[in-house]
PDB file of N, CA and C in Angstrom:
ATOM      1  N   UNK A   1      51.502  88.533 161.787  1.00  0.00           N
ATOM      2  CA  UNK A   1      51.817  88.973 163.118  1.00  0.00           C
ATOM      3  C   UNK A   1      52.843  90.101 163.067  1.00  0.00           C
ATOM      4  N   UNK A   2      53.998  89.845 162.433  1.00  0.00           N
ATOM      5  CA  UNK A   2      55.002  90.887 162.269  1.00  0.00           C
ATOM      6  C   UNK A   2      54.808  91.496 160.886  1.00  0.00           C
ATOM      7  N   UNK A   3      54.212  92.672 160.850  1.00  0.00           N
ATOM      8  CA  UNK A   3      53.901  93.268 159.551  1.00  0.00           C
ATOM      9  C   UNK A   3      54.993  94.185 159.039  1.00  0.00           C
ATOM     10  N   UNK A   4      55.631  94.866 159.953  1.00  0.00           N
ATOM     11  CA  UNK A   4      56.612  95.834 159.489  1.00  0.00           C
ATOM     12  C   UNK A   4      58.038  95.355 159.692  1.00  0.00           C
ATOM     13  N   UNK A   5      58.925  96.012 158.989  1.00  0.00           N
ATOM     14  CA  UNK A   5      60.352  95.708 159.103  1.00  0.00           C
ATOM     15  C   UNK A   5      60.870  96.032 160.502  1.00  0.00           C
ATOM     16  N   UNK A   6      60.389  97.100 161.097  1.00  0.00           N
ATOM     17  CA  UNK A   6      60.811  97.495 162.440  1.00  0.00           C
ATOM     18  C   UNK A   6      60.424  96.432 163.473  1.00  0.00           C
ATOM     19  N   UNK A   7      59.252  95.828 163.320  1.00  0.00           N
ATOM     20  CA  UNK A   7      58.807  94.794 164.259  1.00  0.00           C
ATOM     21  C   UNK A   7      59.676  93.549 164.118  1.00  0.00           C
ATOM     22  N   UNK A   8      59.999  93.180 162.894  1.00  0.00           N
ATOM     23  CA  UNK A   8      60.864  92.020 162.669  1.00  0.00           C
ATOM     24  C   UNK A   8      62.266  92.270 163.207  1.00  0.00           C
ATOM     25  N   UNK A   9      62.754  93.473 162.981  1.00  0.00           N
ATOM     26  CA  UNK A   9      64.084  93.832 163.478  1.00  0.00           C
ATOM     27  C   UNK A   9      64.111  93.811 165.008  1.00  0.00           C
ATOM     28  N   UNK A  10      63.079  94.382 165.617  1.00  0.00           N
ATOM     29  CA  UNK A  10      63.002  94.414 167.082  1.00  0.00           C
ATOM     30  C   UNK A  10      62.931  92.991 167.650  1.00  0.00           C
ATOM     31  N   UNK A  11      62.176  92.125 167.041  1.00  0.00           N
ATOM     32  CA  UNK A  11      62.073  90.742 167.504  1.00  0.00           C
ATOM     33  C   UNK A  11      63.413  90.032 167.361  1.00  0.00           C
ATOM     34  N   UNK A  12      64.101  90.261 166.248  1.00  0.00           N
ATOM     35  CA  UNK A  12      65.418  89.660 166.048  1.00  0.00           C
ATOM     36  C   UNK A  12      66.425  90.122 167.081  1.00  0.00           C
ATOM     37  N   UNK A  13      66.444  91.433 167.334  1.00  0.00           N
ATOM     38  CA  UNK A  13      67.365  91.987 168.329  1.00  0.00           C
ATOM     39  C   UNK A  13      67.046  91.421 169.708  1.00  0.00           C
ATOM     40  N   UNK A  14      65.757  91.315 170.033  1.00  0.00           N
ATOM     41  CA  UNK A  14      65.344  90.774 171.327  1.00  0.00           C
ATOM     42  C   UNK A  14      65.813  89.326 171.492  1.00  0.00           C
ATOM     43  N   UNK A  15      65.673  88.534 170.460  1.00  0.00           N
ATOM     44  CA  UNK A  15      66.100  87.132 170.518  1.00  0.00           C
ATOM     45  C   UNK A  15      67.618  87.037 170.657  1.00  0.00           C
ATOM     46  N   UNK A  16      68.349  87.846 169.903  1.00  0.00           N
ATOM     47  CA  UNK A  16      69.815  87.824 169.969  1.00  0.00           C
ATOM     48  C   UNK A  16      70.303  88.266 171.342  1.00  0.00           C
ATOM     49  N   UNK A  17      69.725  89.315 171.892  1.00  0.00           N
ATOM     50  CA  UNK A  17      70.131  89.803 173.207  1.00  0.00           C
ATOM     51  C   UNK A  17      69.811  88.762 174.284  1.00  0.00           C
ATOM     52  N   UNK A  18      68.636  88.140 174.206  1.00  0.00           N
ATOM     53  CA  UNK A  18      68.272  87.104 175.178  1.00  0.00           C
ATOM     54  C   UNK A  18      69.233  85.926 175.083  1.00  0.00           C
ATOM     55  N   UNK A  19      69.615  85.547 173.882  1.00  0.00           N
ATOM     56  CA  UNK A  19      70.557  84.454 173.695  1.00  0.00           C
ATOM     57  C   UNK A  19      71.933  84.808 174.254  1.00  0.00           C
ATOM     58  N   UNK A  20      72.387  86.034 174.004  1.00  0.00           N
ATOM     59  CA  UNK A  20      73.684  86.471 174.547  1.00  0.00           C
ATOM     60  C   UNK A  20      73.682  86.488 176.078  1.00  0.00           C
ATOM     61  N   UNK A  21      72.613  87.007 176.673  1.00  0.00           N
ATOM     62  CA  UNK A  21      72.519  87.008 178.133  1.00  0.00           C
ATOM     63  C   UNK A  21      72.511  85.587 178.689  1.00  0.00           C
ATOM     64  N   UNK A  22      71.834  84.685 178.025  1.00  0.00           N
ATOM     65  CA  UNK A  22      71.794  83.292 178.481  1.00  0.00           C
ATOM     66  C   UNK A  22      73.174  82.652 178.429  1.00  0.00           C
ATOM     67  N   UNK A  23      73.880  82.870 177.328  1.00  0.00           N
ATOM     68  CA  UNK A  23      75.218  82.291 177.176  1.00  0.00           C
ATOM     69  C   UNK A  23      76.166  82.893 178.211  1.00  0.00           C
ATOM     70  N   UNK A  24      76.133  84.199 178.386  1.00  0.00           N
ATOM     71  CA  UNK A  24      76.998  84.842 179.361  1.00  0.00           C
ATOM     72  C   UNK A  24      76.655  84.395 180.782  1.00  0.00           C
ATOM     73  N   UNK A  25      75.371  84.284 181.099  1.00  0.00           N
ATOM     74  CA  UNK A  25      74.950  83.843 182.423  1.00  0.00           C
ATOM     75  C   UNK A  25      75.421  82.433 182.724  1.00  0.00           C
ATOM     76  N   UNK A  26      75.340  81.559 181.744  1.00  0.00           N
ATOM     77  CA  UNK A  26      75.809  80.187 181.927  1.00  0.00           C
ATOM     78  C   UNK A  26      77.317  80.155 182.142  1.00  0.00           C
ATOM     79  N   UNK A  27      78.048  80.897 181.341  1.00  0.00           N
ATOM     80  CA  UNK A  27      79.510  80.971 181.479  1.00  0.00           C
ATOM     81  C   UNK A  27      79.894  81.523 182.851  1.00  0.00           C
ATOM     82  N   UNK A  28      79.253  82.606 183.262  1.00  0.00           N
ATOM     83  CA  UNK A  28      79.557  83.228 184.545  1.00  0.00           C
ATOM     84  C   UNK A  28      79.237  82.277 185.689  1.00  0.00           C
ATOM     85  N   UNK A  29      78.139  81.554 185.600  1.00  0.00           N
ATOM     86  CA  UNK A  29      77.764  80.586 186.633  1.00  0.00           C
ATOM     87  C   UNK A  29      78.823  79.493 186.757  1.00  0.00           C
ATOM     88  N   UNK A  30      79.289  78.973 185.636  1.00  0.00           N
ATOM     89  CA  UNK A  30      80.291  77.913 185.657  1.00  0.00           C
ATOM     90  C   UNK A  30      81.606  78.403 186.272  1.00  0.00           C
ATOM     91  N   UNK A  31      82.039  79.597 185.882  1.00  0.00           N
ATOM     92  CA  UNK A  31      83.280  80.141 186.411  1.00  0.00           C
ATOM     93  C   UNK A  31      83.175  80.425 187.914  1.00  0.00           C
ATOM     94  N   UNK A  32      82.056  80.986 188.339  1.00  0.00           N
ATOM     95  CA  UNK A  32      81.846  81.276 189.756  1.00  0.00           C
ATOM     96  C   UNK A  32      81.794  79.982 190.558  1.00  0.00           C
ATOM     97  N   UNK A  33      81.161  78.975 190.012  1.00  0.00           N
ATOM     98  CA  UNK A  33      81.073  77.680 190.687  1.00  0.00           C
ATOM     99  C   UNK A  33      82.458  77.067 190.874  1.00  0.00           C
ATOM    100  N   UNK A  34      83.273  77.095 189.834  1.00  0.00           N
ATOM    101  CA  UNK A  34      84.637  76.570 189.936  1.00  0.00           C
ATOM    102  C   UNK A  34      85.438  77.328 190.990  1.00  0.00           C
ATOM    103  N   UNK A  35      85.324  78.646 190.991  1.00  0.00           N
ATOM    104  CA  UNK A  35      86.068  79.462 191.938  1.00  0.00           C
ATOM    105  C   UNK A  35      85.631  79.191 193.373  1.00  0.00           C
ATOM    106  N   UNK A  36      84.324  79.130 193.608  1.00  0.00           N
ATOM    107  CA  UNK A  36      83.831  78.912 194.963  1.00  0.00           C
ATOM    108  C   UNK A  36      84.161  77.511 195.474  1.00  0.00           C
ATOM    109  N   UNK A  37      84.082  76.506 194.598  1.00  0.00           N
ATOM    110  CA  UNK A  37      84.463  75.161 195.021  1.00  0.00           C
ATOM    111  C   UNK A  37      85.957  75.095 195.334  1.00  0.00           C
ATOM    112  N   UNK A  38      86.768  75.815 194.585  1.00  0.00           N
ATOM    113  CA  UNK A  38      88.199  75.867 194.876  1.00  0.00           C
ATOM    114  C   UNK A  38      88.480  76.517 196.220  1.00  0.00           C
ATOM    115  N   UNK A  39      87.797  77.626 196.509  1.00  0.00           N
ATOM    116  CA  UNK A  39      87.964  78.283 197.805  1.00  0.00           C
ATOM    117  C   UNK A  39      87.503  77.373 198.939  1.00  0.00           C
ATOM    118  N   UNK A  40      86.392  76.690 198.730  1.00  0.00           N
ATOM    119  CA  UNK A  40      85.875  75.791 199.756  1.00  0.00           C
ATOM    120  C   UNK A  40      86.845  74.630 200.012  1.00  0.00           C
ATOM    121  N   UNK A  41      87.392  74.078 198.957  1.00  0.00           N
ATOM    122  CA  UNK A  41      88.356  72.989 199.119  1.00  0.00           C
ATOM    123  C   UNK A  41      89.593  73.448 199.889  1.00  0.00           C
ATOM    124  N   UNK A  42      90.069  74.652 199.601  1.00  0.00           N
ATOM    125  CA  UNK A  42      91.249  75.135 200.323  1.00  0.00           C
ATOM    126  C   UNK A  42      90.934  75.393 201.789  1.00  0.00           C
ATOM    127  N   UNK A  43      89.741  75.906 202.083  1.00  0.00           N
ATOM    128  CA  UNK A  43      89.362  76.121 203.481  1.00  0.00           C
ATOM    129  C   UNK A  43      89.207  74.787 204.216  1.00  0.00           C
ATOM    130  N   UNK A  44      88.625  73.807 203.555  1.00  0.00           N
ATOM    131  CA  UNK A  44      88.476  72.487 204.168  1.00  0.00           C
ATOM    132  C   UNK A  44      89.843  71.891 204.462  1.00  0.00           C
ATOM    133  N   UNK A  45      90.772  72.051 203.524  1.00  0.00           N
ATOM    134  CA  UNK A  45      92.122  71.526 203.740  1.00  0.00           C
ATOM    135  C   UNK A  45      92.780  72.209 204.928  1.00  0.00           C
ATOM    136  N   UNK A  46      92.601  73.518 205.075  1.00  0.00           N
ATOM    137  CA  UNK A  46      93.167  74.229 206.220  1.00  0.00           C
ATOM    138  C   UNK A  46      92.573  73.733 207.540  1.00  0.00           C
ATOM    139  N   UNK A  47      91.259  73.514 207.566  1.00  0.00           N
ATOM    140  CA  UNK A  47      90.617  73.034 208.794  1.00  0.00           C
ATOM    141  C   UNK A  47      91.093  71.637 209.135  1.00  0.00           C
ATOM    142  N   UNK A  48      91.175  70.763 208.139  1.00  0.00           N
ATOM    143  CA  UNK A  48      91.626  69.393 208.379  1.00  0.00           C
ATOM    144  C   UNK A  48      93.070  69.390 208.870  1.00  0.00           C
ATOM    145  N   UNK A  49      93.919  70.166 208.239  1.00  0.00           N
ATOM    146  CA  UNK A  49      95.317  70.242 208.684  1.00  0.00           C
ATOM    147  C   UNK A  49      95.417  70.781 210.102  1.00  0.00           C
ATOM    148  N   UNK A  50      94.592  71.772 210.429  1.00  0.00           N
ATOM    149  CA  UNK A  50      94.591  72.325 211.775  1.00  0.00           C
ATOM    150  C   UNK A  50      94.128  71.288 212.788  1.00  0.00           C
ATOM    151  N   UNK A  51      93.074  70.547 212.454  1.00  0.00           N
ATOM    152  CA  UNK A  51      92.582  69.527 213.375  1.00  0.00           C
ATOM    153  C   UNK A  51      93.572  68.383 213.530  1.00  0.00           C
ATOM    154  N   UNK A  52      94.255  68.034 212.463  1.00  0.00           N
ATOM    155  CA  UNK A  52      95.249  66.966 212.562  1.00  0.00           C
ATOM    156  C   UNK A  52      96.372  67.338 213.518  1.00  0.00           C
ATOM    157  N   UNK A  53      96.679  68.600 213.600  1.00  0.00           N
ATOM    158  CA  UNK A  53      97.743  69.032 214.482  1.00  0.00           C
ATOM    159  C   UNK A  53      97.313  69.228 215.925  1.00  0.00           C
ATOM    160  N   UNK A  54      96.011  69.454 216.167  1.00  0.00           N
ATOM    161  CA  UNK A  54      95.575  69.774 217.522  1.00  0.00           C
ATOM    162  C   UNK A  54      94.819  68.659 218.220  1.00  0.00           C
ATOM    163  N   UNK A  55      94.148  67.801 217.478  1.00  0.00           N
ATOM    164  CA  UNK A  55      93.364  66.728 218.099  1.00  0.00           C
ATOM    165  C   UNK A  55      94.317  65.639 218.563  1.00  0.00           C
ATOM    166  N   UNK A  56      94.090  65.181 219.772  1.00  0.00           N
ATOM    167  CA  UNK A  56      94.969  64.155 220.338  1.00  0.00           C
ATOM    168  C   UNK A  56      94.877  62.876 219.513  1.00  0.00           C
ATOM    169  N   UNK A  57      96.007  62.222 219.358  1.00  0.00           N
ATOM    170  CA  UNK A  57      96.064  60.985 218.576  1.00  0.00           C
ATOM    171  C   UNK A  57      95.227  59.899 219.242  1.00  0.00           C
ATOM    172  N   UNK A  58      95.180  59.888 220.562  1.00  0.00           N
ATOM    173  CA  UNK A  58      94.436  58.848 221.277  1.00  0.00           C
ATOM    174  C   UNK A  58      92.943  58.897 220.961  1.00  0.00           C
ATOM    175  N   UNK A  59      92.449  60.040 220.575  1.00  0.00           N
ATOM    176  CA  UNK A  59      91.035  60.157 220.237  1.00  0.00           C
ATOM    177  C   UNK A  59      90.670  59.270 219.054  1.00  0.00           C
ATOM    178  N   UNK A  60      91.578  59.101 218.133  1.00  0.00           N
ATOM    179  CA  UNK A  60      91.286  58.314 216.936  1.00  0.00           C
ATOM    180  C   UNK A  60      91.706  56.856 217.090  1.00  0.00           C
ATOM    181  N   UNK A  61      92.445  56.527 218.137  1.00  0.00           N
ATOM    182  CA  UNK A  61      92.979  55.183 218.288  1.00  0.00           C
ATOM    183  C   UNK A  61      92.350  54.417 219.443  1.00  0.00           C
ATOM    184  N   UNK A  62      91.077  54.604 219.685  1.00  0.00           N
ATOM    185  CA  UNK A  62      90.403  53.845 220.735  1.00  0.00           C
ATOM    186  C   UNK A  62      90.366  52.370 220.372  1.00  0.00           C
ATOM    187  N   UNK A  63      90.516  51.561 221.387  1.00  0.00           N
ATOM    188  CA  UNK A  63      90.371  50.128 221.192  1.00  0.00           C
ATOM    189  C   UNK A  63      88.930  49.746 221.477  1.00  0.00           C
ATOM    190  N   UNK A  64      88.507  48.606 220.969  1.00  0.00           N
ATOM    191  CA  UNK A  64      87.128  48.166 221.136  1.00  0.00           C
ATOM    192  C   UNK A  64      86.779  47.994 222.608  1.00  0.00           C
ATOM    193  N   UNK A  65      87.701  47.445 223.377  1.00  0.00           N
ATOM    194  CA  UNK A  65      87.424  47.234 224.803  1.00  0.00           C
ATOM    195  C   UNK A  65      87.195  48.561 225.519  1.00  0.00           C
ATOM    196  N   UNK A  66      87.962  49.558 225.164  1.00  0.00           N
ATOM    197  CA  UNK A  66      87.815  50.872 225.784  1.00  0.00           C
ATOM    198  C   UNK A  66      86.451  51.468 225.462  1.00  0.00           C
ATOM    199  N   UNK A  67      86.026  51.351 224.216  1.00  0.00           N
ATOM    200  CA  UNK A  67      84.722  51.890 223.815  1.00  0.00           C
ATOM    201  C   UNK A  67      83.617  51.173 224.567  1.00  0.00           C
ATOM    202  N   UNK A  68      83.682  49.836 224.628  1.00  0.00           N
ATOM    203  CA  UNK A  68      82.644  49.074 225.329  1.00  0.00           C
ATOM    204  C   UNK A  68      82.635  49.411 226.821  1.00  0.00           C
ATOM    205  N   UNK A  69      83.794  49.540 227.434  1.00  0.00           N
ATOM    206  CA  UNK A  69      83.873  49.872 228.852  1.00  0.00           C
ATOM    207  C   UNK A  69      83.246  51.238 229.115  1.00  0.00           C
ATOM    208  N   UNK A  70      83.558  52.220 228.280  1.00  0.00           N
ATOM    209  CA  UNK A  70      82.982  53.550 228.453  1.00  0.00           C
ATOM    210  C   UNK A  70      81.476  53.535 228.212  1.00  0.00           C
ATOM    211  N   UNK A  71      81.033  52.737 227.269  1.00  0.00           N
ATOM    212  CA  UNK A  71      79.605  52.643 226.978  1.00  0.00           C
ATOM    213  C   UNK A  71      78.862  52.057 228.170  1.00  0.00           C
ATOM    214  N   UNK A  72      79.411  50.994 228.784  1.00  0.00           N
ATOM    215  CA  UNK A  72      78.749  50.372 229.922  1.00  0.00           C
ATOM    216  C   UNK A  72      78.769  51.267 231.150  1.00  0.00           C
ATOM    217  N   UNK A  73      79.776  52.118 231.264  1.00  0.00           N
ATOM    218  CA  UNK A  73      79.818  53.074 232.377  1.00  0.00           C
ATOM    219  C   UNK A  73      78.670  54.067 232.264  1.00  0.00           C
ATOM    220  N   UNK A  74      78.371  54.482 231.035  1.00  0.00           N
ATOM    221  CA  UNK A  74      77.348  55.505 230.817  1.00  0.00           C
ATOM    222  C   UNK A  74      75.946  54.924 230.676  1.00  0.00           C
ATOM    223  N   UNK A  75      75.835  53.622 230.447  1.00  0.00           N
ATOM    224  CA  UNK A  75      74.540  52.995 230.244  1.00  0.00           C
ATOM    225  C   UNK A  75      73.930  52.645 231.597  1.00  0.00           C
ATOM    226  N   UNK A  76      72.666  52.988 231.825  1.00  0.00           N
ATOM    227  CA  UNK A  76      72.015  52.606 233.091  1.00  0.00           C
ATOM    228  C   UNK A  76      71.983  51.088 233.248  1.00  0.00           C
ATOM    229  N   UNK A  77      71.992  50.610 234.493  1.00  0.00           N
ATOM    230  CA  UNK A  77      72.090  49.176 234.784  1.00  0.00           C
ATOM    231  C   UNK A  77      70.950  48.383 234.173  1.00  0.00           C
ATOM    232  N   UNK A  78      69.743  48.977 234.082  1.00  0.00           N
ATOM    233  CA  UNK A  78      68.601  48.233 233.564  1.00  0.00           C
ATOM    234  C   UNK A  78      68.667  48.047 232.048  1.00  0.00           C
ATOM    235  N   UNK A  79      69.456  48.832 231.355  1.00  0.00           N
ATOM    236  CA  UNK A  79      69.620  48.628 229.922  1.00  0.00           C
ATOM    237  C   UNK A  79      70.704  47.614 229.624  1.00  0.00           C
ATOM    238  N   UNK A  80      71.614  47.386 230.554  1.00  0.00           N
ATOM    239  CA  UNK A  80      72.681  46.421 230.361  1.00  0.00           C
ATOM    240  C   UNK A  80      72.150  45.005 230.519  1.00  0.00           C
ATOM    241  N   UNK A  81      71.180  44.802 231.402  1.00  0.00           N
ATOM    242  CA  UNK A  81      70.637  43.462 231.660  1.00  0.00           C
ATOM    243  C   UNK A  81      69.876  42.926 230.517  1.00  0.00           C
TER     244      UNK A  81
END
């Protein structure tokens, strides 16, 4: 199949270059993934901190009776029976 030295050399260079691109692509993907997940985590933390400061505390501290009372107010009478 490979009869000449030039063909063997070209095949070797092609394999080495493909291997280098694969290794570099994998490394770049891993680094980009780490960076993007870090940015996403910091943005999520900012949103959570912002919501903790602006959302009323009563929204998270509903009592069971309050939830049931509000549910029955919104539920049509024929579904309650």
